[in-house]
Amino acid sequence: MANKTVIHHNSIGFLGLLALIFITLKLCGVIAWHWVWVLAPLWAIPAIQLLVVGGVLGCAALVAACTLFGVWLTDANSKGKKATKAATLRRQRTQKKCSDSRGAEKSSE
């Protein structure tokens, strides 16, 4: 068996040090921040991580729901194109009727 050396770094890190500095400044009366902001270095990173994980899980749930219920974006786009095509045909027919009625008025004069 090979000997493996495991190194553990037991340090508080930059954000831990920053939190200690903010707490010290708050307790000494140097800063008049609310405690939420004094302790922000401790909760900011986990909060951002939760937002990212929540966003990823939310997107995954949306994709799963669309797959489960058979709702595809391509279907919606093709229906939209068909609806647009139908609207264009209706508009052309209406314009043709209007131009035909104008032609009939001119010929009667």
N, C-alpha and C. Protein backbone atom coordinates (compact mmCIF):
# COMPACT_ATOMS: atom_id res chain seq x y z
N MET A 1 0.83 -1.19 0.00
CA MET A 1 0.00 0.00 0.00
C MET A 1 0.87 1.24 0.00
N ALA A 2 0.39 2.21 -0.75
CA ALA A 2 1.14 3.47 -0.80
C ALA A 2 0.64 4.39 0.29
N ASN A 3 1.56 5.10 0.87
CA ASN A 3 1.20 6.08 1.90
C ASN A 3 0.70 7.34 1.22
N LYS A 4 -0.48 7.76 1.61
CA LYS A 4 -1.05 8.99 1.07
C LYS A 4 -1.01 10.07 2.13
N THR A 5 -0.56 11.21 1.73
CA THR A 5 -0.50 12.34 2.64
C THR A 5 -1.73 13.21 2.41
N VAL A 6 -2.49 13.41 3.44
CA VAL A 6 -3.68 14.25 3.36
C VAL A 6 -3.40 15.53 4.12
N ILE A 7 -3.60 16.63 3.43
CA ILE A 7 -3.35 17.93 4.06
C ILE A 7 -4.69 18.62 4.27
N HIS A 8 -4.95 19.01 5.49
CA HIS A 8 -6.17 19.73 5.82
C HIS A 8 -5.81 21.17 6.13
N HIS A 9 -6.51 22.06 5.48
CA HIS A 9 -6.31 23.48 5.74
C HIS A 9 -7.43 23.95 6.65
N ASN A 10 -7.11 24.26 7.86
CA ASN A 10 -8.09 24.73 8.82
C ASN A 10 -7.97 26.25 8.95
N SER A 11 -8.58 26.94 8.02
CA SER A 11 -8.56 28.40 8.07
C SER A 11 -9.98 28.90 7.83
N ILE A 12 -10.22 30.11 8.27
CA ILE A 12 -11.58 30.64 8.14
C ILE A 12 -11.83 31.25 6.77
N GLY A 13 -10.81 31.51 6.01
CA GLY A 13 -10.96 32.07 4.68
C GLY A 13 -11.21 33.57 4.70
N PHE A 14 -11.28 34.11 3.50
CA PHE A 14 -11.43 35.55 3.36
C PHE A 14 -12.76 36.05 3.89
N LEU A 15 -13.85 35.35 3.54
CA LEU A 15 -15.17 35.82 3.97
C LEU A 15 -15.35 35.67 5.48
N GLY A 16 -14.79 34.63 6.06
CA GLY A 16 -14.85 34.47 7.51
C GLY A 16 -14.11 35.59 8.22
N LEU A 17 -12.93 35.93 7.69
CA LEU A 17 -12.15 37.04 8.25
C LEU A 17 -12.90 38.36 8.09
N LEU A 18 -13.51 38.55 6.94
CA LEU A 18 -14.27 39.78 6.72
C LEU A 18 -15.45 39.86 7.69
N ALA A 19 -16.12 38.74 7.95
CA ALA A 19 -17.22 38.72 8.90
C ALA A 19 -16.73 39.07 10.30
N LEU A 20 -15.59 38.53 10.70
CA LEU A 20 -15.03 38.86 12.02
C LEU A 20 -14.69 40.35 12.13
N ILE A 21 -14.16 40.91 11.06
CA ILE A 21 -13.84 42.34 11.06
C ILE A 21 -15.12 43.17 11.19
N PHE A 22 -16.16 42.81 10.41
CA PHE A 22 -17.42 43.55 10.49
C PHE A 22 -18.05 43.43 11.88
N ILE A 23 -18.01 42.24 12.46
CA ILE A 23 -18.58 42.04 13.80
C ILE A 23 -17.84 42.88 14.83
N THR A 24 -16.51 42.90 14.72
CA THR A 24 -15.70 43.70 15.65
C THR A 24 -16.02 45.18 15.50
N LEU A 25 -16.10 45.65 14.26
CA LEU A 25 -16.41 47.06 14.03
C LEU A 25 -17.81 47.42 14.54
N LYS A 26 -18.76 46.50 14.38
CA LYS A 26 -20.12 46.74 14.86
C LYS A 26 -20.15 46.82 16.39
N LEU A 27 -19.48 45.86 17.04
CA LEU A 27 -19.48 45.84 18.51
C LEU A 27 -18.73 47.02 19.11
N CYS A 28 -17.74 47.53 18.38
CA CYS A 28 -16.99 48.70 18.87
C CYS A 28 -17.69 50.02 18.54
N GLY A 29 -18.78 49.95 17.79
CA GLY A 29 -19.53 51.16 17.47
C GLY A 29 -18.97 51.96 16.32
N VAL A 30 -18.04 51.38 15.56
CA VAL A 30 -17.43 52.11 14.44
C VAL A 30 -18.41 52.19 13.27
N ILE A 31 -19.15 51.13 13.05
CA ILE A 31 -20.14 51.12 11.97
C ILE A 31 -21.53 50.97 12.58
N ALA A 32 -22.52 51.55 11.93
CA ALA A 32 -23.90 51.50 12.43
C ALA A 32 -24.78 50.69 11.47
N TRP A 33 -24.22 49.63 10.93
CA TRP A 33 -24.96 48.79 9.99
C TRP A 33 -25.92 47.89 10.74
N HIS A 34 -26.93 47.45 10.04
CA HIS A 34 -27.84 46.45 10.59
C HIS A 34 -27.09 45.11 10.62
N TRP A 35 -27.46 44.24 11.55
CA TRP A 35 -26.76 42.97 11.72
C TRP A 35 -26.83 42.08 10.47
N VAL A 36 -27.88 42.26 9.68
CA VAL A 36 -27.98 41.46 8.45
C VAL A 36 -26.80 41.75 7.54
N TRP A 37 -26.42 43.02 7.44
CA TRP A 37 -25.30 43.38 6.56
C TRP A 37 -23.96 43.09 7.20
N VAL A 38 -23.90 43.14 8.50
CA VAL A 38 -22.65 42.80 9.20
C VAL A 38 -22.33 41.32 8.96
N LEU A 39 -23.36 40.49 8.99
CA LEU A 39 -23.16 39.05 8.81
C LEU A 39 -23.28 38.61 7.34
N ALA A 40 -23.40 39.54 6.43
CA ALA A 40 -23.56 39.22 5.00
C ALA A 40 -22.44 38.33 4.45
N PRO A 41 -21.18 38.50 4.86
CA PRO A 41 -20.16 37.59 4.31
C PRO A 41 -20.43 36.12 4.66
N LEU A 42 -21.19 35.87 5.69
CA LEU A 42 -21.47 34.49 6.08
C LEU A 42 -22.64 33.89 5.30
N TRP A 43 -23.62 34.70 4.92
CA TRP A 43 -24.79 34.16 4.25
C TRP A 43 -24.86 34.48 2.76
N ALA A 44 -24.05 35.38 2.26
CA ALA A 44 -24.15 35.81 0.86
C ALA A 44 -23.82 34.67 -0.11
N ILE A 45 -22.72 33.98 0.12
CA ILE A 45 -22.32 32.91 -0.80
C ILE A 45 -23.32 31.76 -0.78
N PRO A 46 -23.75 31.25 0.39
CA PRO A 46 -24.78 30.20 0.36
C PRO A 46 -26.09 30.67 -0.28
N ALA A 47 -26.44 31.94 -0.12
CA ALA A 47 -27.67 32.45 -0.74
C ALA A 47 -27.54 32.45 -2.26
N ILE A 48 -26.40 32.86 -2.77
CA ILE A 48 -26.17 32.84 -4.22
C ILE A 48 -26.20 31.41 -4.73
N GLN A 49 -25.58 30.49 -3.99
CA GLN A 49 -25.60 29.09 -4.40
C GLN A 49 -27.03 28.54 -4.42
N LEU A 50 -27.84 28.91 -3.44
CA LEU A 50 -29.23 28.46 -3.43
C LEU A 50 -30.01 29.02 -4.62
N LEU A 51 -29.76 30.27 -4.98
CA LEU A 51 -30.42 30.86 -6.13
C LEU A 51 -30.04 30.14 -7.42
N VAL A 52 -28.77 29.81 -7.56
CA VAL A 52 -28.32 29.11 -8.76
C VAL A 52 -28.93 27.71 -8.82
N VAL A 53 -28.87 26.99 -7.71
CA VAL A 53 -29.45 25.64 -7.67
C VAL A 53 -30.95 25.71 -7.91
N GLY A 54 -31.63 26.68 -7.31
CA GLY A 54 -33.06 26.85 -7.52
C GLY A 54 -33.39 27.15 -8.97
N GLY A 55 -32.57 27.98 -9.61
CA GLY A 55 -32.79 28.29 -11.02
C GLY A 55 -32.61 27.07 -11.91
N VAL A 56 -31.58 26.29 -11.63
CA VAL A 56 -31.34 25.07 -12.42
C VAL A 56 -32.48 24.08 -12.21
N LEU A 57 -32.89 23.89 -10.96
CA LEU A 57 -33.99 22.96 -10.69
C LEU A 57 -35.31 23.46 -11.28
N GLY A 58 -35.52 24.77 -11.26
CA GLY A 58 -36.72 25.33 -11.86
C GLY A 58 -36.76 25.10 -13.36
N CYS A 59 -35.62 25.29 -14.02
CA CYS A 59 -35.56 25.03 -15.47
C CYS A 59 -35.78 23.55 -15.76
N ALA A 60 -35.19 22.69 -14.95
CA ALA A 60 -35.37 21.25 -15.13
C ALA A 60 -36.83 20.86 -14.94
N ALA A 61 -37.49 21.46 -13.96
CA ALA A 61 -38.90 21.16 -13.72
C ALA A 61 -39.75 21.65 -14.89
N LEU A 62 -39.42 22.80 -15.45
CA LEU A 62 -40.16 23.33 -16.59
C LEU A 62 -40.01 22.42 -17.81
N VAL A 63 -38.80 21.96 -18.06
CA VAL A 63 -38.57 21.05 -19.19
C VAL A 63 -39.31 19.74 -18.96
N ALA A 64 -39.27 19.22 -17.73
CA ALA A 64 -39.97 17.97 -17.42
C ALA A 64 -41.48 18.13 -17.60
N ALA A 65 -42.02 19.25 -17.16
CA ALA A 65 -43.45 19.49 -17.29
C ALA A 65 -43.85 19.61 -18.76
N CYS A 66 -43.04 20.31 -19.55
CA CYS A 66 -43.34 20.44 -20.98
C CYS A 66 -43.26 19.09 -21.67
N THR A 67 -42.30 18.28 -21.29
CA THR A 67 -42.17 16.96 -21.87
C THR A 67 -43.33 16.07 -21.45
N LEU A 68 -43.69 16.14 -20.20
CA LEU A 68 -44.76 15.31 -19.67
C LEU A 68 -46.10 15.62 -20.33
N PHE A 69 -46.38 16.90 -20.51
CA PHE A 69 -47.67 17.30 -21.06
C PHE A 69 -47.64 17.47 -22.57
N GLY A 70 -46.52 17.17 -23.20
CA GLY A 70 -46.44 17.22 -24.66
C GLY A 70 -46.47 18.61 -25.24
N VAL A 71 -46.04 19.59 -24.48
CA VAL A 71 -46.01 20.96 -24.97
C VAL A 71 -44.60 21.22 -25.49
N TRP A 72 -44.49 21.43 -26.77
CA TRP A 72 -43.18 21.68 -27.37
C TRP A 72 -43.18 23.07 -27.96
N LEU A 73 -42.05 23.71 -27.87
CA LEU A 73 -41.93 25.05 -28.41
C LEU A 73 -42.08 25.05 -29.93
N THR A 74 -41.62 23.99 -30.58
CA THR A 74 -41.75 23.94 -32.03
C THR A 74 -43.21 23.85 -32.43
N ASP A 75 -44.03 23.13 -31.66
CA ASP A 75 -45.46 23.07 -31.95
C ASP A 75 -46.09 24.45 -31.81
N ALA A 76 -45.70 25.16 -30.78
CA ALA A 76 -46.25 26.50 -30.56
C ALA A 76 -45.85 27.42 -31.71
N ASN A 77 -44.60 27.31 -32.16
CA ASN A 77 -44.15 28.15 -33.26
C ASN A 77 -44.88 27.82 -34.55
N SER A 78 -45.07 26.53 -34.83
CA SER A 78 -45.75 26.17 -36.07
C SER A 78 -47.21 26.61 -36.03
N LYS A 79 -47.86 26.50 -34.85
CA LYS A 79 -49.23 26.99 -34.72
C LYS A 79 -49.27 28.49 -34.92
N GLY A 80 -48.27 29.16 -34.38
CA GLY A 80 -48.20 30.61 -34.55
C GLY A 80 -48.04 31.00 -36.01
N LYS A 81 -47.22 30.22 -36.75
CA LYS A 81 -47.03 30.51 -38.17
C LYS A 81 -48.33 30.26 -38.93
N LYS A 82 -49.04 29.18 -38.57
CA LYS A 82 -50.31 28.90 -39.23
C LYS A 82 -51.31 30.01 -38.95
N ALA A 83 -51.33 30.47 -37.70
CA ALA A 83 -52.25 31.55 -37.34
C ALA A 83 -51.89 32.83 -38.09
N THR A 84 -50.60 33.10 -38.22
CA THR A 84 -50.16 34.29 -38.94
C THR A 84 -50.54 34.18 -40.42
N LYS A 85 -50.36 32.97 -40.98
CA LYS A 85 -50.72 32.75 -42.38
C LYS A 85 -52.22 32.97 -42.59
N ALA A 86 -53.02 32.44 -41.67
CA ALA A 86 -54.46 32.60 -41.77
C ALA A 86 -54.86 34.07 -41.66
N ALA A 87 -54.22 34.79 -40.76
CA ALA A 87 -54.52 36.21 -40.61
C ALA A 87 -54.14 36.98 -41.87
N THR A 88 -53.03 36.61 -42.49
CA THR A 88 -52.61 37.27 -43.72
C THR A 88 -53.61 37.01 -44.83
N LEU A 89 -54.08 35.77 -44.95
CA LEU A 89 -55.09 35.45 -45.98
C LEU A 89 -56.38 36.22 -45.76
N ARG A 90 -56.82 36.31 -44.49
CA ARG A 90 -58.03 37.08 -44.18
C ARG A 90 -57.85 38.55 -44.57
N ARG A 91 -56.69 39.10 -44.26
CA ARG A 91 -56.42 40.50 -44.59
C ARG A 91 -56.44 40.71 -46.10
N GLN A 92 -55.84 39.76 -46.85
CA GLN A 92 -55.82 39.89 -48.30
C GLN A 92 -57.23 39.81 -48.88
N ARG A 93 -58.05 38.89 -48.34
CA ARG A 93 -59.42 38.77 -48.81
C ARG A 93 -60.21 40.06 -48.53
N THR A 94 -60.01 40.61 -47.34
CA THR A 94 -60.71 41.84 -46.97
C THR A 94 -60.29 42.98 -47.89
N GLN A 95 -58.99 43.07 -48.17
CA GLN A 95 -58.51 44.13 -49.06
C GLN A 95 -59.07 43.97 -50.46
N LYS A 96 -59.16 42.70 -50.91
CA LYS A 96 -59.70 42.44 -52.24
C LYS A 96 -61.17 42.83 -52.31
N LYS A 97 -61.93 42.50 -51.26
CA LYS A 97 -63.35 42.87 -51.22
C LYS A 97 -63.51 44.38 -51.25
N CYS A 98 -62.65 45.06 -50.48
CA CYS A 98 -62.72 46.53 -50.44
C CYS A 98 -62.39 47.11 -51.81
N SER A 99 -61.37 46.60 -52.46
CA SER A 99 -61.00 47.13 -53.78
C SER A 99 -62.07 46.79 -54.82
N ASP A 100 -62.69 45.60 -54.69
CA ASP A 100 -63.76 45.23 -55.62
C ASP A 100 -64.96 46.16 -55.43
N SER A 101 -65.30 46.47 -54.19
CA SER A 101 -66.45 47.35 -53.96
C SER A 101 -66.16 48.77 -54.43
N ARG A 102 -64.92 49.22 -54.33
CA ARG A 102 -64.56 50.55 -54.84
C ARG A 102 -64.66 50.58 -56.35
N GLY A 103 -64.24 49.47 -56.99
CA GLY A 103 -64.32 49.40 -58.45
C GLY A 103 -65.76 49.41 -58.90
N ALA A 104 -66.64 48.78 -58.15
CA ALA A 104 -68.06 48.75 -58.51
C ALA A 104 -68.66 50.14 -58.36
N GLU A 105 -68.24 50.91 -57.35
CA GLU A 105 -68.74 52.26 -57.16
C GLU A 105 -68.31 53.17 -58.31
N LYS A 106 -67.05 53.01 -58.75
CA LYS A 106 -66.55 53.86 -59.84
C LYS A 106 -67.26 53.54 -61.16
N SER A 107 -67.55 52.27 -61.38
CA SER A 107 -68.19 51.90 -62.65
C SER A 107 -69.64 52.35 -62.69
N SER A 108 -70.28 52.48 -61.52
CA SER A 108 -71.68 52.91 -61.48
C SER A 108 -71.80 54.41 -61.70
N GLU A 109 -70.74 55.15 -61.52
CA GLU A 109 -70.81 56.60 -61.67
C GLU A 109 -70.78 57.01 -63.07
